[in-house]
Amino acid sequence: MAKRIGLLTSGGDCAGLNAVIRAVVHHATRDYGWEVMGIREGTRGLLARPVDHALLDPDLLDAQMMRQGGTVLGTTNTGDPFAFPMPDGSLRDRSNEVIEGCRMLGIEALIGIGGDGSLAILRRLAQQGGINLVGIPKTIDNDIGTTEVALGYDSAVEVATEALDNLHPTAASHSRIMVLETMGRDAGHIALAAGIAGGADVILVPEIPYTIARVAQHILALKARGRSFALVVVAEAVRRESGEAVTGALGGIGQYGGIGHYIARRLAETTGAEARVTVLGHVQRGVTPSPRDRLMASIFGVHAVDLIAQGRFDRMVAWRSRQAIDVPLAEVVDRPFLVDVDGPLVHTARGLGICFGD
């Protein structure tokens, strides 16, 4: 019988996932003669009985698929199988059911596409169940430190940069402060990169403490030099000056959302200028993948299949020094990579006169 491998997307969606799926299926079936079983809804598909899956046919996965955002397999970022929420409010360990689902499919290896959190869960399942696992990094937050590139980040930065491009003329027309809130659960990489590329005046990221007084001072200094407007980018994980997280404004209790409105209100109070807020939210996730995300997805998918062929498991595909490599998953999980406050991007931003509020 032909070798059979499994493939799933896990965690939040992002641009480039479909391009990975396409690359894995084409390389595995055409070059190795394997079957690829696509598992729907991440680990939830493995909990279903029968297992929610489909045999992926390369003839049905054409180039158009690379242009689509999201994931045709579906995904989930809730329902940890080690502490799965039950209808009665209790938590149950259903990890053995997930492992059994893999065995029911008869797969000999599993490719998991996820961020550090979902890859940590998949690795724990693999170790417990003896599953041959290869990981592919995806997260718009770009907070996986063992790779220079994670899928979805480039497209998210592109969306945020375009938003700044569009906010600039309306800010100038009305002499307003425009605050743009980007995603960034733990790290400010999107806000930092888009802020530089989009010509922001202020960038606020969770890694650098700020004060409203310092930001207001910078904006008033711009006004004194003849500028009638300002562009401010803030990552959703930035806290109030008091250190309190801003949650609940979007998506429910416990989820970030609202810091942009807080910053706008405080700046209006301290500068006397009108302020408006744009919250990008999931627009950054569902966007058409950028060419770079499509390219990296294709590279990662092919490399992941080659790792299986070489019998190299418990590893994640990565990009470093302009080439595809692979690293131990143990170096990836639960080790988020935050903005380097002394790194080249922060140094560049400061050199351009951008204020971080510190």
Protein backbone atom coordinates (compact mmCIF):
# COMPACT_ATOMS: atom_id res chain seq x y z
CA MET A 1 0.00 0.00 0.00
CA ALA A 2 1.09 3.57 -0.63
CA LYS A 3 2.45 5.55 2.30
CA ARG A 4 -0.30 7.68 3.82
CA ILE A 5 0.32 10.97 5.63
CA GLY A 6 -2.02 13.32 7.44
CA LEU A 7 -2.23 17.09 7.13
CA LEU A 8 -4.03 19.62 9.33
CA THR A 9 -4.11 23.33 10.06
CA SER A 10 -4.38 24.35 13.69
CA GLY A 11 -4.76 27.61 15.62
CA GLY A 12 -5.84 30.89 14.06
CA ASP A 13 -6.13 31.13 10.30
CA CYS A 14 -3.86 33.30 8.18
CA ALA A 15 -2.87 33.94 4.59
CA GLY A 16 -0.79 31.20 2.94
CA LEU A 17 -2.35 28.11 4.48
CA ASN A 18 -3.95 26.92 1.26
CA ALA A 19 -0.65 27.35 -0.58
CA VAL A 20 0.97 25.02 1.98
CA ILE A 21 -1.77 22.44 1.57
CA ARG A 22 -1.35 22.57 -2.20
CA ALA A 23 2.45 22.19 -1.99
CA VAL A 24 2.29 19.23 0.41
CA VAL A 25 -0.26 17.37 -1.70
CA HIS A 26 1.46 17.93 -5.05
CA HIS A 27 4.92 16.96 -3.80
CA ALA A 28 3.79 13.99 -1.73
CA THR A 29 1.53 12.46 -4.37
CA ARG A 30 3.37 13.25 -7.59
CA ASP A 31 6.95 12.79 -6.43
CA TYR A 32 6.58 10.11 -3.74
CA GLY A 33 3.33 8.40 -4.67
CA TRP A 34 1.81 8.92 -1.21
CA GLU A 35 -1.77 9.55 -0.16
CA VAL A 36 -2.49 12.74 1.76
CA MET A 37 -5.41 12.73 4.18
CA GLY A 38 -6.61 16.24 4.95
CA ILE A 39 -8.00 16.47 8.49
CA ARG A 40 -10.77 19.03 8.89
CA GLU A 41 -11.02 21.52 11.77
CA GLY A 42 -7.62 20.67 13.23
CA THR A 43 -7.66 18.35 16.23
CA ARG A 44 -11.46 18.58 16.36
CA GLY A 45 -11.55 16.55 13.16
CA LEU A 46 -9.58 13.81 14.89
CA LEU A 47 -12.09 13.79 17.75
CA ALA A 48 -15.02 13.23 15.38
CA ARG A 49 -16.28 9.72 14.71
CA PRO A 50 -15.83 8.89 11.97
CA VAL A 51 -12.77 11.10 11.73
CA ASP A 52 -13.60 14.22 9.70
CA HIS A 53 -11.18 13.96 6.79
CA ALA A 54 -10.82 13.87 3.02
CA LEU A 55 -8.36 12.29 0.59
CA LEU A 56 -6.70 15.26 -1.10
CA ASP A 57 -6.47 15.04 -4.90
CA PRO A 58 -3.70 17.15 -6.50
CA ASP A 59 -5.77 17.57 -9.66
CA LEU A 60 -8.32 19.52 -7.62
CA LEU A 61 -5.72 21.77 -5.99
CA ASP A 62 -4.74 24.14 -8.79
CA ALA A 63 -2.90 27.47 -8.70
CA GLN A 64 -6.11 29.33 -7.88
CA MET A 65 -5.93 27.77 -4.44
CA MET A 66 -2.76 29.76 -3.64
CA ARG A 67 -4.71 33.00 -4.05
CA GLN A 68 -7.30 32.10 -1.42
CA GLY A 69 -7.07 33.26 2.16
CA GLY A 70 -8.07 31.06 5.08
CA THR A 71 -7.80 27.28 4.94
CA VAL A 72 -9.94 24.86 2.94
CA LEU A 73 -9.45 22.30 5.71
CA GLY A 74 -10.79 24.56 8.42
CA THR A 75 -9.06 25.11 11.75
CA THR A 76 -9.69 25.72 15.44
CA ASN A 77 -7.95 27.71 18.14
CA THR A 78 -10.15 26.42 20.96
CA GLY A 79 -10.72 23.03 22.54
CA ASP A 80 -7.32 21.92 23.87
CA PRO A 81 -7.64 18.11 23.73
CA PHE A 82 -5.78 17.83 27.04
CA ALA A 83 -8.40 20.05 28.72
CA PHE A 84 -11.39 19.89 26.41
CA PRO A 85 -14.44 21.93 27.54
CA MET A 86 -17.51 19.74 27.99
CA PRO A 87 -21.19 20.81 27.88
CA ASP A 88 -21.46 20.63 31.68
CA GLY A 89 -18.57 23.08 32.09
CA SER A 90 -16.01 20.50 33.08
CA LEU A 91 -12.68 19.89 31.35
CA ARG A 92 -11.79 16.44 30.06
CA ASP A 93 -8.55 14.98 28.78
CA ARG A 94 -9.47 13.70 25.29
CA SER A 95 -5.92 13.35 24.02
CA ASN A 96 -6.19 9.58 23.60
CA GLU A 97 -9.22 10.09 21.33
CA VAL A 98 -7.13 12.35 19.08
CA ILE A 99 -4.35 9.77 18.97
CA GLU A 100 -6.87 7.04 18.19
CA GLY A 101 -8.20 9.20 15.35
CA CYS A 102 -4.75 9.26 13.76
CA ARG A 103 -4.54 5.47 14.02
CA MET A 104 -7.99 5.06 12.51
CA LEU A 105 -6.81 6.99 9.43
CA GLY A 106 -3.78 4.72 9.10
CA ILE A 107 -1.39 7.64 8.66
CA GLU A 108 2.33 7.07 9.04
CA ALA A 109 3.23 10.72 9.60
CA LEU A 110 1.44 13.97 10.34
CA ILE A 111 2.19 17.48 9.10
CA GLY A 112 0.82 20.13 11.45
CA ILE A 113 0.64 23.77 10.36
CA GLY A 114 0.42 26.02 13.41
CA GLY A 115 1.86 28.64 15.71
CA ASP A 116 3.87 27.99 18.86
CA GLY A 117 0.78 27.22 20.94
CA SER A 118 -0.85 24.73 18.60
CA LEU A 119 2.50 23.16 17.72
CA ALA A 120 3.09 22.63 21.44
CA ILE A 121 -0.20 20.73 21.70
CA LEU A 122 0.52 18.69 18.58
CA ARG A 123 4.00 17.81 19.83
CA ARG A 124 2.61 16.67 23.17
CA LEU A 125 0.09 14.49 21.34
CA ALA A 126 2.82 13.10 19.09
CA GLN A 127 5.04 12.19 22.02
CA GLN A 128 2.18 10.54 23.89
CA GLY A 129 0.90 8.60 20.89
CA GLY A 130 4.11 7.83 19.01
CA ILE A 131 3.03 9.98 16.04
CA ASN A 132 5.67 11.01 13.51
CA LEU A 133 5.19 14.79 13.44
CA VAL A 134 6.58 17.56 11.24
CA GLY A 135 5.60 21.17 11.93
CA ILE A 136 5.19 24.17 9.64
CA PRO A 137 5.19 27.66 11.24
CA LYS A 138 2.29 30.02 10.67
CA THR A 139 1.31 33.08 12.64
CA ILE A 140 0.60 36.65 11.62
CA ASP A 141 2.35 37.69 14.85
CA ASN A 142 5.70 36.34 13.56
CA ASP A 143 6.67 35.46 17.13
CA ILE A 144 8.35 32.11 16.44
CA GLY A 145 11.99 32.90 17.01
CA THR A 146 13.54 29.85 15.34
CA THR A 147 12.46 31.03 11.88
CA GLU A 148 12.89 34.37 10.18
CA VAL A 149 9.55 33.91 8.44
CA ALA A 150 6.20 32.56 9.63
CA LEU A 151 3.31 32.22 7.20
CA GLY A 152 0.75 35.01 7.30
CA TYR A 153 2.99 37.73 8.71
CA ASP A 154 3.92 39.35 5.42
CA SER A 155 0.29 39.55 4.29
CA ALA A 156 -0.79 41.02 7.64
CA VAL A 157 1.90 43.70 7.43
CA GLU A 158 0.78 44.47 3.89
CA VAL A 159 -2.79 45.05 5.09
CA ALA A 160 -1.69 47.31 7.94
CA THR A 161 0.64 49.28 5.68
CA GLU A 162 -2.11 49.80 3.11
CA ALA A 163 -4.38 51.02 5.91
CA LEU A 164 -1.80 53.64 6.89
CA ASP A 165 -1.45 54.66 3.24
CA ASN A 166 -5.21 55.24 3.11
CA LEU A 167 -5.42 56.97 6.50
CA HIS A 168 -2.69 59.49 5.66
CA PRO A 169 -4.72 61.68 3.23
CA THR A 170 -7.86 61.74 5.36
CA ALA A 171 -5.83 62.57 8.46
CA ALA A 172 -4.20 65.46 6.62
CA SER A 173 -7.51 66.66 5.20
CA HIS A 174 -9.15 66.95 8.62
CA SER A 175 -6.11 67.71 10.79
CA ARG A 176 -6.73 64.63 12.89
CA ILE A 177 -4.81 62.05 14.85
CA MET A 178 -5.47 58.67 13.22
CA VAL A 179 -4.95 55.65 15.45
CA LEU A 180 -4.58 52.26 13.78
CA GLU A 181 -4.94 49.16 15.99
CA THR A 182 -3.27 46.03 14.63
CA MET A 183 -3.32 42.44 15.82
CA GLY A 184 -0.45 41.12 17.91
CA ARG A 185 -1.40 38.81 20.78
CA ASP A 186 1.93 38.93 22.60
CA ALA A 187 4.30 40.73 20.26
CA GLY A 188 4.31 43.98 18.32
CA HIS A 189 5.97 42.81 15.11
CA ILE A 190 3.05 43.77 12.80
CA ALA A 191 2.69 47.24 14.31
CA LEU A 192 6.44 47.84 14.15
CA ALA A 193 6.96 46.75 10.55
CA ALA A 194 3.80 48.40 9.22
CA GLY A 195 4.53 51.56 11.17
CA ILE A 196 7.92 51.94 9.52
CA ALA A 197 6.67 51.01 6.04
CA GLY A 198 3.57 53.19 6.36
CA GLY A 199 5.29 56.29 7.67
CA ALA A 200 3.73 56.34 11.14
CA ASP A 201 4.66 59.05 13.61
CA VAL A 202 4.11 56.89 16.68
CA ILE A 203 4.39 53.11 17.16
CA LEU A 204 3.24 51.52 20.40
CA VAL A 205 4.19 47.89 21.05
CA PRO A 206 3.82 45.82 24.23
CA GLU A 207 7.57 45.35 24.57
CA ILE A 208 8.28 49.08 25.10
CA PRO A 209 6.63 50.94 28.02
CA TYR A 210 5.06 54.26 27.05
CA THR A 211 3.35 57.29 28.54
CA ILE A 212 0.57 59.29 26.96
CA ALA A 213 2.41 62.44 27.99
CA ARG A 214 5.45 61.45 25.90
CA VAL A 215 3.31 60.58 22.88
CA ALA A 216 1.36 63.82 23.19
CA GLN A 217 4.61 65.77 23.44
CA HIS A 218 5.80 64.22 20.19
CA ILE A 219 2.55 65.01 18.38
CA LEU A 220 2.56 68.62 19.64
CA ALA A 221 6.17 68.96 18.47
CA LEU A 222 5.07 67.85 15.00
CA LYS A 223 2.34 70.47 15.09
CA ALA A 224 4.85 73.14 16.07
CA ARG A 225 6.85 72.24 12.96
CA GLY A 226 3.80 72.72 10.74
CA ARG A 227 2.23 69.25 10.74
CA SER A 228 -1.54 69.29 11.28
CA PHE A 229 -2.02 65.52 11.68
CA ALA A 230 -0.40 62.37 13.05
CA LEU A 231 -0.48 58.64 12.40
CA VAL A 232 -0.32 56.33 15.41
CA VAL A 233 -0.03 52.53 15.21
CA VAL A 234 -0.74 50.43 18.30
CA ALA A 235 -0.59 46.65 18.75
CA GLU A 236 -3.68 45.15 20.39
CA ALA A 237 -1.64 43.72 23.30
CA VAL A 238 -0.44 47.17 24.44
CA ARG A 239 -1.74 47.93 27.92
CA ARG A 240 -2.99 51.07 29.56
CA GLU A 241 -0.33 53.17 31.27
CA SER A 242 -1.42 51.56 34.54
CA GLY A 243 -0.44 48.15 33.17
CA GLU A 244 -4.01 46.93 32.81
CA ALA A 245 -4.82 44.89 29.68
CA VAL A 246 -7.63 46.16 27.46
CA THR A 247 -9.98 43.29 26.67
CA GLY A 248 -13.57 42.61 25.81
CA ALA A 249 -14.17 45.33 23.23
CA LEU A 250 -13.88 42.81 20.41
CA GLY A 251 -14.67 39.12 20.45
CA GLY A 252 -15.70 38.77 24.08
CA ILE A 253 -14.22 38.64 27.55
CA GLY A 254 -10.55 37.71 27.75
CA GLN A 255 -9.72 38.71 24.18
CA TYR A 256 -7.74 41.81 23.32
CA GLY A 257 -9.54 44.75 21.78
CA GLY A 258 -10.04 48.41 22.61
CA ILE A 259 -6.56 49.79 23.18
CA GLY A 260 -6.87 51.89 20.02
CA HIS A 261 -9.92 53.68 21.41
CA TYR A 262 -8.18 54.21 24.74
CA ILE A 263 -5.12 55.74 23.08
CA ALA A 264 -7.27 57.96 20.81
CA ARG A 265 -9.35 59.24 23.72
CA ARG A 266 -6.31 60.03 25.86
CA LEU A 267 -4.49 61.77 23.00
CA ALA A 268 -7.55 63.88 22.22
CA GLU A 269 -7.67 64.93 25.87
CA THR A 270 -3.97 65.81 26.08
CA THR A 271 -3.43 67.44 22.68
CA GLY A 272 -6.82 69.01 21.98
CA ALA A 273 -6.85 67.43 18.52
CA GLU A 274 -9.59 65.29 17.01
CA ALA A 275 -8.75 61.60 17.00
CA ARG A 276 -10.25 58.69 15.09
CA VAL A 277 -9.65 54.95 15.37
CA THR A 278 -9.40 52.15 12.82
CA VAL A 279 -9.32 48.58 14.15
CA LEU A 280 -8.12 46.13 11.50
CA GLY A 281 -8.95 42.94 13.39
CA HIS A 282 -9.43 39.83 11.27
CA VAL A 283 -8.94 41.71 8.00
CA GLN A 284 -5.28 40.90 8.60
CA ARG A 285 -6.03 37.18 8.68
CA GLY A 286 -8.43 36.67 5.77
CA VAL A 287 -6.56 38.72 3.19
CA THR A 288 -5.40 37.33 -0.16
CA PRO A 289 -1.88 35.98 0.46
CA SER A 290 1.01 38.18 -0.59
CA PRO A 291 3.46 36.78 -3.15
CA ARG A 292 6.03 36.23 -0.40
CA ASP A 293 3.59 34.25 1.74
CA ARG A 294 2.68 32.11 -1.28
CA LEU A 295 6.36 31.52 -1.99
CA MET A 296 7.29 30.63 1.58
CA ALA A 297 4.23 28.38 1.90
CA SER A 298 5.30 26.44 -1.16
CA ILE A 299 8.87 26.12 0.11
CA PHE A 300 7.73 25.00 3.57
CA GLY A 301 5.26 22.45 2.18
CA VAL A 302 7.81 20.79 -0.07
CA HIS A 303 10.47 20.74 2.65
CA ALA A 304 8.06 19.18 5.16
CA VAL A 305 7.32 16.30 2.79
CA ASP A 306 11.04 15.76 2.23
CA LEU A 307 11.57 15.55 6.00
CA ILE A 308 9.04 12.72 6.16
CA ALA A 309 10.78 10.93 3.30
CA GLN A 310 14.06 11.23 5.20
CA GLY A 311 12.49 9.92 8.42
CA ARG A 312 13.24 13.14 10.29
CA PHE A 313 10.46 13.85 12.78
CA ASP A 314 9.76 16.03 15.79
CA ARG A 315 11.06 18.93 13.71
CA MET A 316 9.70 22.16 12.27
CA VAL A 317 10.48 23.65 8.89
CA ALA A 318 12.07 27.09 9.14
CA TRP A 319 13.63 29.82 7.00
CA ARG A 320 17.01 31.23 7.90
CA SER A 321 19.79 32.93 5.95
CA ARG A 322 17.87 32.66 2.66
CA GLN A 323 17.33 28.91 2.81
CA ALA A 324 14.89 26.32 4.11
CA ILE A 325 16.14 24.48 7.19
CA ASP A 326 14.52 22.49 9.97
CA VAL A 327 14.81 22.83 13.73
CA PRO A 328 13.80 20.64 16.70
CA LEU A 329 10.23 21.30 17.78
CA ALA A 330 11.51 21.41 21.35
CA GLU A 331 13.22 24.71 20.47
CA VAL A 332 9.95 26.16 19.18
CA VAL A 333 7.10 25.42 21.55
CA ASP A 334 6.20 27.87 24.28
CA ARG A 335 9.10 30.18 23.45
CA PRO A 336 7.55 33.28 21.87
CA PHE A 337 9.89 35.69 20.11
CA LEU A 338 9.11 39.27 21.07
CA VAL A 339 10.23 42.51 19.46
CA ASP A 340 13.91 43.10 20.14
CA VAL A 341 13.91 46.56 21.70
CA ASP A 342 17.56 46.96 20.72
CA GLY A 343 17.16 45.32 17.32
CA PRO A 344 17.49 46.76 13.81
CA LEU A 345 13.81 47.59 13.27
CA VAL A 346 13.47 49.57 16.48
CA HIS A 347 16.78 51.28 15.73
CA THR A 348 15.56 52.12 12.23
CA ALA A 349 12.29 53.52 13.52
CA ARG A 350 14.06 55.73 16.02
CA GLY A 351 16.42 56.88 13.29
CA LEU A 352 13.40 57.97 11.27
CA GLY A 353 12.09 60.03 14.16
CA ILE A 354 9.28 57.66 15.09
CA CYS A 355 8.20 57.86 18.72
CA PHE A 356 7.64 54.76 20.90
CA GLY A 357 6.27 56.76 23.80
CA ASP A 358 9.23 56.00 26.04
